[in-house]
Amino acid sequence: MEQKVSQINLDYHAFMEMSNQALELRSQGIHRNCFKKFPEDAEGYAQCMLTSEKAATKRFVETKLRQKFVNNMLHNCLQLLSTSRDPNDSSFKSCYDRLKSHQEKIIEHINE
């Protein structure tokens, strides 16, 4: 069981790293796109960045809140696992499947 918990924690940390990197890449893309659109227009570039950054900030906050939700869900799943001591327990498996589904949705949300 300890090996299962260790793997779950590794998977979770990999998800967090991947989602944080996706947010960073998205932010870098905003700067590149605005500069491409307005290479010689500081006002246009600034307006593009302002509009894009507002949307990016909203997405960032939403993602961080969703990550917090997934973190809480992870603790609930691990608690179920520690109670049952069986990684094949249906309650744990159901919880863990929902957790993985939420993680996938978060990555999709970042990449929209």
PDB file of N, CA and C in Angstrom:
ATOM      1  N   MET A   1       0.815  -1.184   0.000  1.00  0.00           N
ATOM      2  CA  MET A   1       0.000   0.000   0.000  1.00  0.00           C
ATOM      3  C   MET A   1       0.871   1.265   0.000  1.00  0.00           C
ATOM      4  N   GLU A   2       1.974   1.236   0.724  1.00  0.00           N
ATOM      5  CA  GLU A   2       2.854   2.402   0.754  1.00  0.00           C
ATOM      6  C   GLU A   2       3.360   2.742  -0.641  1.00  0.00           C
ATOM      7  N   GLN A   3       3.600   1.713  -1.437  1.00  0.00           N
ATOM      8  CA  GLN A   3       4.054   1.937  -2.807  1.00  0.00           C
ATOM      9  C   GLN A   3       2.950   2.635  -3.615  1.00  0.00           C
ATOM     10  N   LYS A   4       1.703   2.243  -3.405  1.00  0.00           N
ATOM     11  CA  LYS A   4       0.569   2.856  -4.100  1.00  0.00           C
ATOM     12  C   LYS A   4       0.450   4.323  -3.709  1.00  0.00           C
ATOM     13  N   VAL A   5       0.550   4.621  -2.421  1.00  0.00           N
ATOM     14  CA  VAL A   5       0.477   6.006  -1.937  1.00  0.00           C
ATOM     15  C   VAL A   5       1.617   6.825  -2.532  1.00  0.00           C
ATOM     16  N   SER A   6       2.796   6.252  -2.553  1.00  0.00           N
ATOM     17  CA  SER A   6       3.954   6.939  -3.123  1.00  0.00           C
ATOM     18  C   SER A   6       3.723   7.257  -4.598  1.00  0.00           C
ATOM     19  N   GLN A   7       3.175   6.300  -5.353  1.00  0.00           N
ATOM     20  CA  GLN A   7       2.900   6.517  -6.779  1.00  0.00           C
ATOM     21  C   GLN A   7       1.831   7.588  -6.976  1.00  0.00           C
ATOM     22  N   ILE A   8       0.803   7.571  -6.138  1.00  0.00           N
ATOM     23  CA  ILE A   8      -0.255   8.586  -6.219  1.00  0.00           C
ATOM     24  C   ILE A   8       0.333   9.972  -5.987  1.00  0.00           C
ATOM     25  N   ASN A   9       1.186  10.089  -4.991  1.00  0.00           N
ATOM     26  CA  ASN A   9       1.813  11.381  -4.706  1.00  0.00           C
ATOM     27  C   ASN A   9       2.720  11.829  -5.849  1.00  0.00           C
ATOM     28  N   LEU A  10       3.468  10.901  -6.438  1.00  0.00           N
ATOM     29  CA  LEU A  10       4.314  11.238  -7.583  1.00  0.00           C
ATOM     30  C   LEU A  10       3.466  11.713  -8.759  1.00  0.00           C
ATOM     31  N   ASP A  11       2.363  11.011  -9.024  1.00  0.00           N
ATOM     32  CA  ASP A  11       1.463  11.403 -10.106  1.00  0.00           C
ATOM     33  C   ASP A  11       0.901  12.796  -9.867  1.00  0.00           C
ATOM     34  N   TYR A  12       0.528  13.061  -8.620  1.00  0.00           N
ATOM     35  CA  TYR A  12      -0.043  14.370  -8.277  1.00  0.00           C
ATOM     36  C   TYR A  12       0.988  15.476  -8.502  1.00  0.00           C
ATOM     37  N   HIS A  13       2.205  15.259  -8.048  1.00  0.00           N
ATOM     38  CA  HIS A  13       3.240  16.284  -8.223  1.00  0.00           C
ATOM     39  C   HIS A  13       3.573  16.490  -9.701  1.00  0.00           C
ATOM     40  N   ALA A  14       3.528  15.427 -10.478  1.00  0.00           N
ATOM     41  CA  ALA A  14       3.751  15.546 -11.926  1.00  0.00           C
ATOM     42  C   ALA A  14       2.627  16.373 -12.558  1.00  0.00           C
ATOM     43  N   PHE A  15       1.388  16.136 -12.125  1.00  0.00           N
ATOM     44  CA  PHE A  15       0.255  16.925 -12.621  1.00  0.00           C
ATOM     45  C   PHE A  15       0.434  18.403 -12.276  1.00  0.00           C
ATOM     46  N   MET A  16       0.813  18.694 -11.036  1.00  0.00           N
ATOM     47  CA  MET A  16       0.992  20.090 -10.622  1.00  0.00           C
ATOM     48  C   MET A  16       2.082  20.759 -11.458  1.00  0.00           C
ATOM     49  N   GLU A  17       3.175  20.072 -11.659  1.00  0.00           N
ATOM     50  CA  GLU A  17       4.270  20.614 -12.459  1.00  0.00           C
ATOM     51  C   GLU A  17       3.814  20.860 -13.898  1.00  0.00           C
ATOM     52  N   MET A  18       3.101  19.902 -14.469  1.00  0.00           N
ATOM     53  CA  MET A  18       2.639  20.026 -15.845  1.00  0.00           C
ATOM     54  C   MET A  18       1.654  21.194 -15.982  1.00  0.00           C
ATOM     55  N   SER A  19       0.730  21.329 -15.054  1.00  0.00           N
ATOM     56  CA  SER A  19      -0.249  22.410 -15.158  1.00  0.00           C
ATOM     57  C   SER A  19       0.405  23.773 -14.939  1.00  0.00           C
ATOM     58  N   ASN A  20       1.361  23.861 -14.038  1.00  0.00           N
ATOM     59  CA  ASN A  20       2.078  25.123 -13.828  1.00  0.00           C
ATOM     60  C   ASN A  20       2.912  25.496 -15.053  1.00  0.00           C
ATOM     61  N   GLN A  21       3.548  24.516 -15.686  1.00  0.00           N
ATOM     62  CA  GLN A  21       4.316  24.781 -16.906  1.00  0.00           C
ATOM     63  C   GLN A  21       3.391  25.224 -18.038  1.00  0.00           C
ATOM     64  N   ALA A  22       2.227  24.618 -18.133  1.00  0.00           N
ATOM     65  CA  ALA A  22       1.272  25.004 -19.175  1.00  0.00           C
ATOM     66  C   ALA A  22       0.820  26.449 -18.985  1.00  0.00           C
ATOM     67  N   LEU A  23       0.608  26.851 -17.742  1.00  0.00           N
ATOM     68  CA  LEU A  23       0.248  28.247 -17.469  1.00  0.00           C
ATOM     69  C   LEU A  23       1.375  29.190 -17.894  1.00  0.00           C
ATOM     70  N   GLU A  24       2.593  28.825 -17.585  1.00  0.00           N
ATOM     71  CA  GLU A  24       3.749  29.658 -17.936  1.00  0.00           C
ATOM     72  C   GLU A  24       3.902  29.766 -19.452  1.00  0.00           C
ATOM     73  N   LEU A  25       3.768  28.651 -20.159  1.00  0.00           N
ATOM     74  CA  LEU A  25       3.874  28.680 -21.621  1.00  0.00           C
ATOM     75  C   LEU A  25       2.763  29.534 -22.232  1.00  0.00           C
ATOM     76  N   ARG A  26       1.586  29.447 -21.675  1.00  0.00           N
ATOM     77  CA  ARG A  26       0.472  30.255 -22.164  1.00  0.00           C
ATOM     78  C   ARG A  26       0.794  31.741 -21.988  1.00  0.00           C
ATOM     79  N   SER A  27       1.350  32.101 -20.856  1.00  0.00           N
ATOM     80  CA  SER A  27       1.716  33.490 -20.598  1.00  0.00           C
ATOM     81  C   SER A  27       2.784  33.974 -21.587  1.00  0.00           C
ATOM     82  N   GLN A  28       3.778  33.144 -21.844  1.00  0.00           N
ATOM     83  CA  GLN A  28       4.814  33.503 -22.809  1.00  0.00           C
ATOM     84  C   GLN A  28       4.224  33.677 -24.204  1.00  0.00           C
ATOM     85  N   GLY A  29       3.259  32.849 -24.546  1.00  0.00           N
ATOM     86  CA  GLY A  29       2.608  32.938 -25.847  1.00  0.00           C
ATOM     87  C   GLY A  29       1.851  34.244 -26.026  1.00  0.00           C
ATOM     88  N   ILE A  30       1.268  34.754 -24.953  1.00  0.00           N
ATOM     89  CA  ILE A  30       0.545  36.027 -25.009  1.00  0.00           C
ATOM     90  C   ILE A  30       1.490  37.142 -25.443  1.00  0.00           C
ATOM     91  N   HIS A  31       2.659  37.198 -24.832  1.00  0.00           N
ATOM     92  CA  HIS A  31       3.625  38.246 -25.166  1.00  0.00           C
ATOM     93  C   HIS A  31       4.048  38.150 -26.636  1.00  0.00           C
ATOM     94  N   ARG A  32       4.338  36.938 -27.090  1.00  0.00           N
ATOM     95  CA  ARG A  32       4.751  36.745 -28.485  1.00  0.00           C
ATOM     96  C   ARG A  32       3.649  37.147 -29.455  1.00  0.00           C
ATOM     97  N   ASN A  33       2.418  36.726 -29.160  1.00  0.00           N
ATOM     98  CA  ASN A  33       1.296  37.038 -30.056  1.00  0.00           C
ATOM     99  C   ASN A  33       1.042  38.536 -30.146  1.00  0.00           C
ATOM    100  N   CYS A  34       1.080  39.228 -29.026  1.00  0.00           N
ATOM    101  CA  CYS A  34       0.843  40.673 -29.044  1.00  0.00           C
ATOM    102  C   CYS A  34       1.965  41.395 -29.785  1.00  0.00           C
ATOM    103  N   PHE A  35       3.186  40.957 -29.604  1.00  0.00           N
ATOM    104  CA  PHE A  35       4.290  41.608 -30.300  1.00  0.00           C
ATOM    105  C   PHE A  35       4.199  41.367 -31.809  1.00  0.00           C
ATOM    106  N   LYS A  36       3.767  40.148 -32.202  1.00  0.00           N
ATOM    107  CA  LYS A  36       3.585  39.865 -33.632  1.00  0.00           C
ATOM    108  C   LYS A  36       2.508  40.768 -34.232  1.00  0.00           C
ATOM    109  N   LYS A  37       1.425  40.993 -33.483  1.00  0.00           N
ATOM    110  CA  LYS A  37       0.326  41.814 -33.982  1.00  0.00           C
ATOM    111  C   LYS A  37       0.703  43.293 -34.051  1.00  0.00           C
ATOM    112  N   PHE A  38       1.514  43.736 -33.112  1.00  0.00           N
ATOM    113  CA  PHE A  38       1.848  45.166 -33.009  1.00  0.00           C
ATOM    114  C   PHE A  38       3.354  45.366 -32.843  1.00  0.00           C
ATOM    115  N   PRO A  39       4.148  44.983 -33.848  1.00  0.00           N
ATOM    116  CA  PRO A  39       5.607  45.062 -33.694  1.00  0.00           C
ATOM    117  C   PRO A  39       6.144  46.494 -33.606  1.00  0.00           C
ATOM    118  N   GLU A  40       5.385  47.458 -34.132  1.00  0.00           N
ATOM    119  CA  GLU A  40       5.876  48.838 -34.110  1.00  0.00           C
ATOM    120  C   GLU A  40       4.869  49.796 -33.492  1.00  0.00           C
ATOM    121  N   ASP A  41       3.929  49.274 -32.765  1.00  0.00           N
ATOM    122  CA  ASP A  41       2.855  50.091 -32.189  1.00  0.00           C
ATOM    123  C   ASP A  41       2.783  49.810 -30.691  1.00  0.00           C
ATOM    124  N   ALA A  42       3.428  50.669 -29.917  1.00  0.00           N
ATOM    125  CA  ALA A  42       3.487  50.463 -28.466  1.00  0.00           C
ATOM    126  C   ALA A  42       2.095  50.500 -27.839  1.00  0.00           C
ATOM    127  N   GLU A  43       1.232  51.399 -28.315  1.00  0.00           N
ATOM    128  CA  GLU A  43      -0.116  51.505 -27.761  1.00  0.00           C
ATOM    129  C   GLU A  43      -0.931  50.242 -28.065  1.00  0.00           C
ATOM    130  N   GLY A  44      -0.853  49.765 -29.308  1.00  0.00           N
ATOM    131  CA  GLY A  44      -1.563  48.542 -29.692  1.00  0.00           C
ATOM    132  C   GLY A  44      -1.059  47.341 -28.902  1.00  0.00           C
ATOM    133  N   TYR A  45       0.268  47.278 -28.758  1.00  0.00           N
ATOM    134  CA  TYR A  45       0.872  46.187 -27.989  1.00  0.00           C
ATOM    135  C   TYR A  45       0.379  46.236 -26.536  1.00  0.00           C
ATOM    136  N   ALA A  46       0.404  47.429 -25.947  1.00  0.00           N
ATOM    137  CA  ALA A  46      -0.012  47.580 -24.546  1.00  0.00           C
ATOM    138  C   ALA A  46      -1.478  47.192 -24.373  1.00  0.00           C
ATOM    139  N   GLN A  47      -2.336  47.614 -25.314  1.00  0.00           N
ATOM    140  CA  GLN A  47      -3.755  47.279 -25.226  1.00  0.00           C
ATOM    141  C   GLN A  47      -3.966  45.772 -25.384  1.00  0.00           C
ATOM    142  N   CYS A  48      -3.245  45.179 -26.323  1.00  0.00           N
ATOM    143  CA  CYS A  48      -3.312  43.725 -26.533  1.00  0.00           C
ATOM    144  C   CYS A  48      -2.897  42.992 -25.261  1.00  0.00           C
ATOM    145  N   MET A  49      -1.795  43.436 -24.663  1.00  0.00           N
ATOM    146  CA  MET A  49      -1.300  42.794 -23.438  1.00  0.00           C
ATOM    147  C   MET A  49      -2.295  42.960 -22.299  1.00  0.00           C
ATOM    148  N   LEU A  50      -2.855  44.139 -22.173  1.00  0.00           N
ATOM    149  CA  LEU A  50      -3.806  44.394 -21.096  1.00  0.00           C
ATOM    150  C   LEU A  50      -5.018  43.473 -21.229  1.00  0.00           C
ATOM    151  N   THR A  51      -5.582  43.420 -22.424  1.00  0.00           N
ATOM    152  CA  THR A  51      -6.737  42.554 -22.660  1.00  0.00           C
ATOM    153  C   THR A  51      -6.368  41.090 -22.436  1.00  0.00           C
ATOM    154  N   SER A  52      -5.231  40.690 -22.979  1.00  0.00           N
ATOM    155  CA  SER A  52      -4.799  39.288 -22.860  1.00  0.00           C
ATOM    156  C   SER A  52      -4.455  38.930 -21.421  1.00  0.00           C
ATOM    157  N   GLU A  53      -3.803  39.852 -20.723  1.00  0.00           N
ATOM    158  CA  GLU A  53      -3.414  39.583 -19.331  1.00  0.00           C
ATOM    159  C   GLU A  53      -4.630  39.472 -18.419  1.00  0.00           C
ATOM    160  N   LYS A  54      -5.672  40.242 -18.700  1.00  0.00           N
ATOM    161  CA  LYS A  54      -6.902  40.110 -17.901  1.00  0.00           C
ATOM    162  C   LYS A  54      -7.463  38.694 -18.040  1.00  0.00           C
ATOM    163  N   ALA A  55      -7.523  38.216 -19.267  1.00  0.00           N
ATOM    164  CA  ALA A  55      -8.025  36.860 -19.507  1.00  0.00           C
ATOM    165  C   ALA A  55      -7.087  35.824 -18.896  1.00  0.00           C
ATOM    166  N   ALA A  56      -5.779  36.062 -19.029  1.00  0.00           N
ATOM    167  CA  ALA A  56      -4.793  35.122 -18.485  1.00  0.00           C
ATOM    168  C   ALA A  56      -4.857  35.094 -16.960  1.00  0.00           C
ATOM    169  N   THR A  57      -5.063  36.248 -16.343  1.00  0.00           N
ATOM    170  CA  THR A  57      -5.154  36.312 -14.884  1.00  0.00           C
ATOM    171  C   THR A  57      -6.377  35.547 -14.399  1.00  0.00           C
ATOM    172  N   LYS A  58      -7.487  35.715 -15.110  1.00  0.00           N
ATOM    173  CA  LYS A  58      -8.704  34.976 -14.747  1.00  0.00           C
ATOM    174  C   LYS A  58      -8.454  33.475 -14.860  1.00  0.00           C
ATOM    175  N   ARG A  59      -7.843  33.054 -15.953  1.00  0.00           N
ATOM    176  CA  ARG A  59      -7.552  31.626 -16.164  1.00  0.00           C
ATOM    177  C   ARG A  59      -6.579  31.126 -15.088  1.00  0.00           C
ATOM    178  N   PHE A  60      -5.583  31.942 -14.735  1.00  0.00           N
ATOM    179  CA  PHE A  60      -4.604  31.565 -13.720  1.00  0.00           C
ATOM    180  C   PHE A  60      -5.298  31.340 -12.375  1.00  0.00           C
ATOM    181  N   VAL A  61      -6.140  32.285 -11.978  1.00  0.00           N
ATOM    182  CA  VAL A  61      -6.844  32.165 -10.694  1.00  0.00           C
ATOM    183  C   VAL A  61      -7.770  30.955 -10.706  1.00  0.00           C
ATOM    184  N   GLU A  62      -8.505  30.767 -11.803  1.00  0.00           N
ATOM    185  CA  GLU A  62      -9.378  29.587 -11.910  1.00  0.00           C
ATOM    186  C   GLU A  62      -8.575  28.302 -11.790  1.00  0.00           C
ATOM    187  N   THR A  63      -7.422  28.262 -12.453  1.00  0.00           N
ATOM    188  CA  THR A  63      -6.586  27.058 -12.415  1.00  0.00           C
ATOM    189  C   THR A  63      -6.066  26.804 -11.010  1.00  0.00           C
ATOM    190  N   LYS A  64      -5.601  27.845 -10.337  1.00  0.00           N
ATOM    191  CA  LYS A  64      -5.085  27.674  -8.970  1.00  0.00           C
ATOM    192  C   LYS A  64      -6.196  27.174  -8.033  1.00  0.00           C
ATOM    193  N   LEU A  65      -7.399  27.687  -8.192  1.00  0.00           N
ATOM    194  CA  LEU A  65      -8.511  27.218  -7.361  1.00  0.00           C
ATOM    195  C   LEU A  65      -8.840  25.760  -7.664  1.00  0.00           C
ATOM    196  N   ARG A  66      -8.797  25.401  -8.939  1.00  0.00           N
ATOM    197  CA  ARG A  66      -9.054  24.005  -9.317  1.00  0.00           C
ATOM    198  C   ARG A  66      -7.946  23.086  -8.802  1.00  0.00           C
ATOM    199  N   GLN A  67      -6.712  23.576  -8.832  1.00  0.00           N
ATOM    200  CA  GLN A  67      -5.614  22.774  -8.287  1.00  0.00           C
ATOM    201  C   GLN A  67      -5.819  22.549  -6.787  1.00  0.00           C
ATOM    202  N   LYS A  68      -6.294  23.575  -6.100  1.00  0.00           N
ATOM    203  CA  LYS A  68      -6.551  23.438  -4.662  1.00  0.00           C
ATOM    204  C   LYS A  68      -7.655  22.407  -4.418  1.00  0.00           C
ATOM    205  N   PHE A  69      -8.693  22.445  -5.248  1.00  0.00           N
ATOM    206  CA  PHE A  69      -9.770  21.465  -5.151  1.00  0.00           C
ATOM    207  C   PHE A  69      -9.222  20.051  -5.334  1.00  0.00           C
ATOM    208  N   VAL A  70      -8.369  19.869  -6.362  1.00  0.00           N
ATOM    209  CA  VAL A  70      -7.792  18.552  -6.636  1.00  0.00           C
ATOM    210  C   VAL A  70      -6.904  18.108  -5.475  1.00  0.00           C
ATOM    211  N   ASN A  71      -6.186  19.053  -4.870  1.00  0.00           N
ATOM    212  CA  ASN A  71      -5.352  18.726  -3.715  1.00  0.00           C
ATOM    213  C   ASN A  71      -6.209  18.205  -2.563  1.00  0.00           C
ATOM    214  N   ASN A  72      -7.333  18.872  -2.309  1.00  0.00           N
ATOM    215  CA  ASN A  72      -8.243  18.414  -1.254  1.00  0.00           C
ATOM    216  C   ASN A  72      -8.821  17.043  -1.593  1.00  0.00           C
ATOM    217  N   MET A  73      -9.148  16.865  -2.865  1.00  0.00           N
ATOM    218  CA  MET A  73      -9.681  15.586  -3.307  1.00  0.00           C
ATOM    219  C   MET A  73      -8.636  14.482  -3.139  1.00  0.00           C
ATOM    220  N   LEU A  74      -7.386  14.792  -3.440  1.00  0.00           N
ATOM    221  CA  LEU A  74      -6.299  13.830  -3.256  1.00  0.00           C
ATOM    222  C   LEU A  74      -6.235  13.366  -1.805  1.00  0.00           C
ATOM    223  N   HIS A  75      -6.322  14.301  -0.875  1.00  0.00           N
ATOM    224  CA  HIS A  75      -6.277  13.929   0.546  1.00  0.00           C
ATOM    225  C   HIS A  75      -7.460  13.039   0.918  1.00  0.00           C
ATOM    226  N   ASN A  76      -8.633  13.335   0.351  1.00  0.00           N
ATOM    227  CA  ASN A  76      -9.803  12.482   0.625  1.00  0.00           C
ATOM    228  C   ASN A  76      -9.583  11.063   0.087  1.00  0.00           C
ATOM    229  N   CYS A  77      -9.042  10.961  -1.113  1.00  0.00           N
ATOM    230  CA  CYS A  77      -8.791   9.638  -1.707  1.00  0.00           C
ATOM    231  C   CYS A  77      -7.763   8.864  -0.874  1.00  0.00           C
ATOM    232  N   LEU A  78      -6.712   9.552  -0.465  1.00  0.00           N
ATOM    233  CA  LEU A  78      -5.683   8.880   0.351  1.00  0.00           C
ATOM    234  C   LEU A  78      -6.248   8.450   1.694  1.00  0.00           C
ATOM    235  N   GLN A  79      -7.166   9.237   2.230  1.00  0.00           N
ATOM    236  CA  GLN A  79      -7.805   8.851   3.490  1.00  0.00           C
ATOM    237  C   GLN A  79      -8.648   7.592   3.293  1.00  0.00           C
ATOM    238  N   LEU A  80      -9.365   7.526   2.175  1.00  0.00           N
ATOM    239  CA  LEU A  80     -10.137   6.313   1.874  1.00  0.00           C
ATOM    240  C   LEU A  80      -9.219   5.106   1.738  1.00  0.00           C
ATOM    241  N   LEU A  81      -8.081   5.315   1.070  1.00  0.00           N
ATOM    242  CA  LEU A  81      -7.131   4.222   0.890  1.00  0.00           C
ATOM    243  C   LEU A  81      -6.568   3.769   2.235  1.00  0.00           C
ATOM    244  N   SER A  82      -6.241   4.715   3.099  1.00  0.00           N
ATOM    245  CA  SER A  82      -5.664   4.334   4.392  1.00  0.00           C
ATOM    246  C   SER A  82      -6.690   3.618   5.270  1.00  0.00           C
ATOM    247  N   THR A  83      -7.954   3.951   5.091  1.00  0.00           N
ATOM    248  CA  THR A  83      -9.017   3.298   5.852  1.00  0.00           C
ATOM    249  C   THR A  83      -9.232   1.866   5.383  1.00  0.00           C
ATOM    250  N   SER A  84      -9.278   1.699   4.064  1.00  0.00           N
ATOM    251  CA  SER A  84      -9.572   0.368   3.523  1.00  0.00           C
ATOM    252  C   SER A  84      -8.330  -0.507   3.412  1.00  0.00           C
ATOM    253  N   ARG A  85      -7.174   0.123   3.195  1.00  0.00           N
ATOM    254  CA  ARG A  85      -5.897  -0.584   3.015  1.00  0.00           C
ATOM    255  C   ARG A  85      -5.888  -1.465   1.762  1.00  0.00           C
ATOM    256  N   ASP A  86      -6.854  -1.234   0.876  1.00  0.00           N
ATOM    257  CA  ASP A  86      -6.950  -2.041  -0.343  1.00  0.00           C
ATOM    258  C   ASP A  86      -7.035  -1.101  -1.541  1.00  0.00           C
ATOM    259  N   PRO A  87      -5.976  -1.047  -2.380  1.00  0.00           N
ATOM    260  CA  PRO A  87      -6.001  -0.152  -3.538  1.00  0.00           C
ATOM    261  C   PRO A  87      -7.077  -0.519  -4.564  1.00  0.00           C
ATOM    262  N   ASN A  88      -7.684  -1.697  -4.417  1.00  0.00           N
ATOM    263  CA  ASN A  88      -8.764  -2.101  -5.318  1.00  0.00           C
ATOM    264  C   ASN A  88     -10.143  -1.821  -4.731  1.00  0.00           C
ATOM    265  N   ASP A  89     -10.181  -1.209  -3.554  1.00  0.00           N
ATOM    266  CA  ASP A  89     -11.443  -0.850  -2.910  1.00  0.00           C
ATOM    267  C   ASP A  89     -12.241   0.068  -3.833  1.00  0.00           C
ATOM    268  N   SER A  90     -13.525  -0.217  -3.990  1.00  0.00           N
ATOM    269  CA  SER A  90     -14.351   0.535  -4.949  1.00  0.00           C
ATOM    270  C   SER A  90     -14.487   2.016  -4.573  1.00  0.00           C
ATOM    271  N   SER A  91     -14.557   2.321  -3.283  1.00  0.00           N
ATOM    272  CA  SER A  91     -14.655   3.722  -2.865  1.00  0.00           C
ATOM    273  C   SER A  91     -13.394   4.491  -3.251  1.00  0.00           C
ATOM    274  N   PHE A  92     -12.245   3.874  -2.987  1.00  0.00           N
ATOM    275  CA  PHE A  92     -10.984   4.519  -3.354  1.00  0.00           C
ATOM    276  C   PHE A  92     -10.876   4.661  -4.862  1.00  0.00           C
ATOM    277  N   LYS A  93     -11.161   3.582  -5.592  1.00  0.00           N
ATOM    278  CA  LYS A  93     -11.030   3.614  -7.054  1.00  0.00           C
ATOM    279  C   LYS A  93     -11.934   4.681  -7.659  1.00  0.00           C
ATOM    280  N   SER A  94     -13.144   4.785  -7.160  1.00  0.00           N
ATOM    281  CA  SER A  94     -14.079   5.792  -7.651  1.00  0.00           C
ATOM    282  C   SER A  94     -13.547   7.200  -7.381  1.00  0.00           C
ATOM    283  N   CYS A  95     -13.059   7.410  -6.181  1.00  0.00           N
ATOM    284  CA  CYS A  95     -12.488   8.702  -5.805  1.00  0.00           C
ATOM    285  C   CYS A  95     -11.285   9.030  -6.695  1.00  0.00           C
ATOM    286  N   TYR A  96     -10.413   8.064  -6.883  1.00  0.00           N
ATOM    287  CA  TYR A  96      -9.201   8.288  -7.665  1.00  0.00           C
ATOM    288  C   TYR A  96      -9.531   8.523  -9.147  1.00  0.00           C
ATOM    289  N   ASP A  97     -10.522   7.820  -9.676  1.00  0.00           N
ATOM    290  CA  ASP A  97     -10.945   8.040 -11.063  1.00  0.00           C
ATOM    291  C   ASP A  97     -11.477   9.464 -11.244  1.00  0.00           C
ATOM    292  N   ARG A  98     -12.268   9.940 -10.280  1.00  0.00           N
ATOM    293  CA  ARG A  98     -12.775  11.316 -10.351  1.00  0.00           C
ATOM    294  C   ARG A  98     -11.625  12.313 -10.263  1.00  0.00           C
ATOM    295  N   LEU A  99     -10.663  12.022  -9.402  1.00  0.00           N
ATOM    296  CA  LEU A  99      -9.484  12.884  -9.264  1.00  0.00           C
ATOM    297  C   LEU A  99      -8.750  13.010 -10.596  1.00  0.00           C
ATOM    298  N   LYS A 100      -8.493  11.883 -11.251  1.00  0.00           N
ATOM    299  CA  LYS A 100      -7.790  11.899 -12.538  1.00  0.00           C
ATOM    300  C   LYS A 100      -8.602  12.665 -13.586  1.00  0.00           C
ATOM    301  N   SER A 101      -9.912  12.507 -13.566  1.00  0.00           N
ATOM    302  CA  SER A 101     -10.778  13.212 -14.507  1.00  0.00           C
ATOM    303  C   SER A 101     -10.678  14.732 -14.302  1.00  0.00           C
ATOM    304  N   HIS A 102     -10.684  15.160 -13.044  1.00  0.00           N
ATOM    305  CA  HIS A 102     -10.554  16.592 -12.750  1.00  0.00           C
ATOM    306  C   HIS A 102      -9.194  17.118 -13.212  1.00  0.00           C
ATOM    307  N   GLN A 103      -8.152  16.340 -13.025  1.00  0.00           N
ATOM    308  CA  GLN A 103      -6.825  16.761 -13.467  1.00  0.00           C
ATOM    309  C   GLN A 103      -6.809  16.958 -14.983  1.00  0.00           C
ATOM    310  N   GLU A 104      -7.406  16.040 -15.719  1.00  0.00           N
ATOM    311  CA  GLU A 104      -7.464  16.160 -17.183  1.00  0.00           C
ATOM    312  C   GLU A 104      -8.242  17.410 -17.594  1.00  0.00           C
ATOM    313  N   LYS A 105      -9.342  17.686 -16.913  1.00  0.00           N
ATOM    314  CA  LYS A 105     -10.145  18.863 -17.234  1.00  0.00           C
ATOM    315  C   LYS A 105      -9.372  20.155 -16.970  1.00  0.00           C
ATOM    316  N   ILE A 106      -8.565  20.163 -15.917  1.00  0.00           N
ATOM    317  CA  ILE A 106      -7.764  21.350 -15.612  1.00  0.00           C
ATOM    318  C   ILE A 106      -6.767  21.618 -16.735  1.00  0.00           C
ATOM    319  N   ILE A 107      -6.089  20.577 -17.188  1.00  0.00           N
ATOM    320  CA  ILE A 107      -5.121  20.738 -18.284  1.00  0.00           C
ATOM    321  C   ILE A 107      -5.843  21.212 -19.542  1.00  0.00           C
ATOM    322  N   GLU A 108      -7.005  20.644 -19.844  1.00  0.00           N
ATOM    323  CA  GLU A 108      -7.781  21.090 -21.012  1.00  0.00           C
ATOM    324  C   GLU A 108      -8.165  22.557 -20.881  1.00  0.00           C
ATOM    325  N   HIS A 109      -8.574  22.976 -19.678  1.00  0.00           N
ATOM    326  CA  HIS A 109      -8.971  24.360 -19.434  1.00  0.00           C
ATOM    327  C   HIS A 109      -7.798  25.321 -19.694  1.00  0.00           C
ATOM    328  N   ILE A 110      -6.632  24.939 -19.248  1.00  0.00           N
ATOM    329  CA  ILE A 110      -5.443  25.785 -19.465  1.00  0.00           C
ATOM    330  C   ILE A 110      -5.167  25.931 -20.957  1.00  0.00           C
ATOM    331  N   ASN A 111      -5.313  24.850 -21.689  1.00  0.00           N
ATOM    332  CA  ASN A 111      -4.935  24.835 -23.103  1.00  0.00           C
ATOM    333  C   ASN A 111      -6.032  25.334 -24.044  1.00  0.00           C
ATOM    334  N   GLU A 112      -7.192  25.715 -23.515  1.00  0.00           N
ATOM    335  CA  GLU A 112      -8.275  26.203 -24.387  1.00  0.00           C
ATOM    336  C   GLU A 112      -7.866  27.464 -25.109  1.00  0.00           C
TER     337      GLU A 112
END
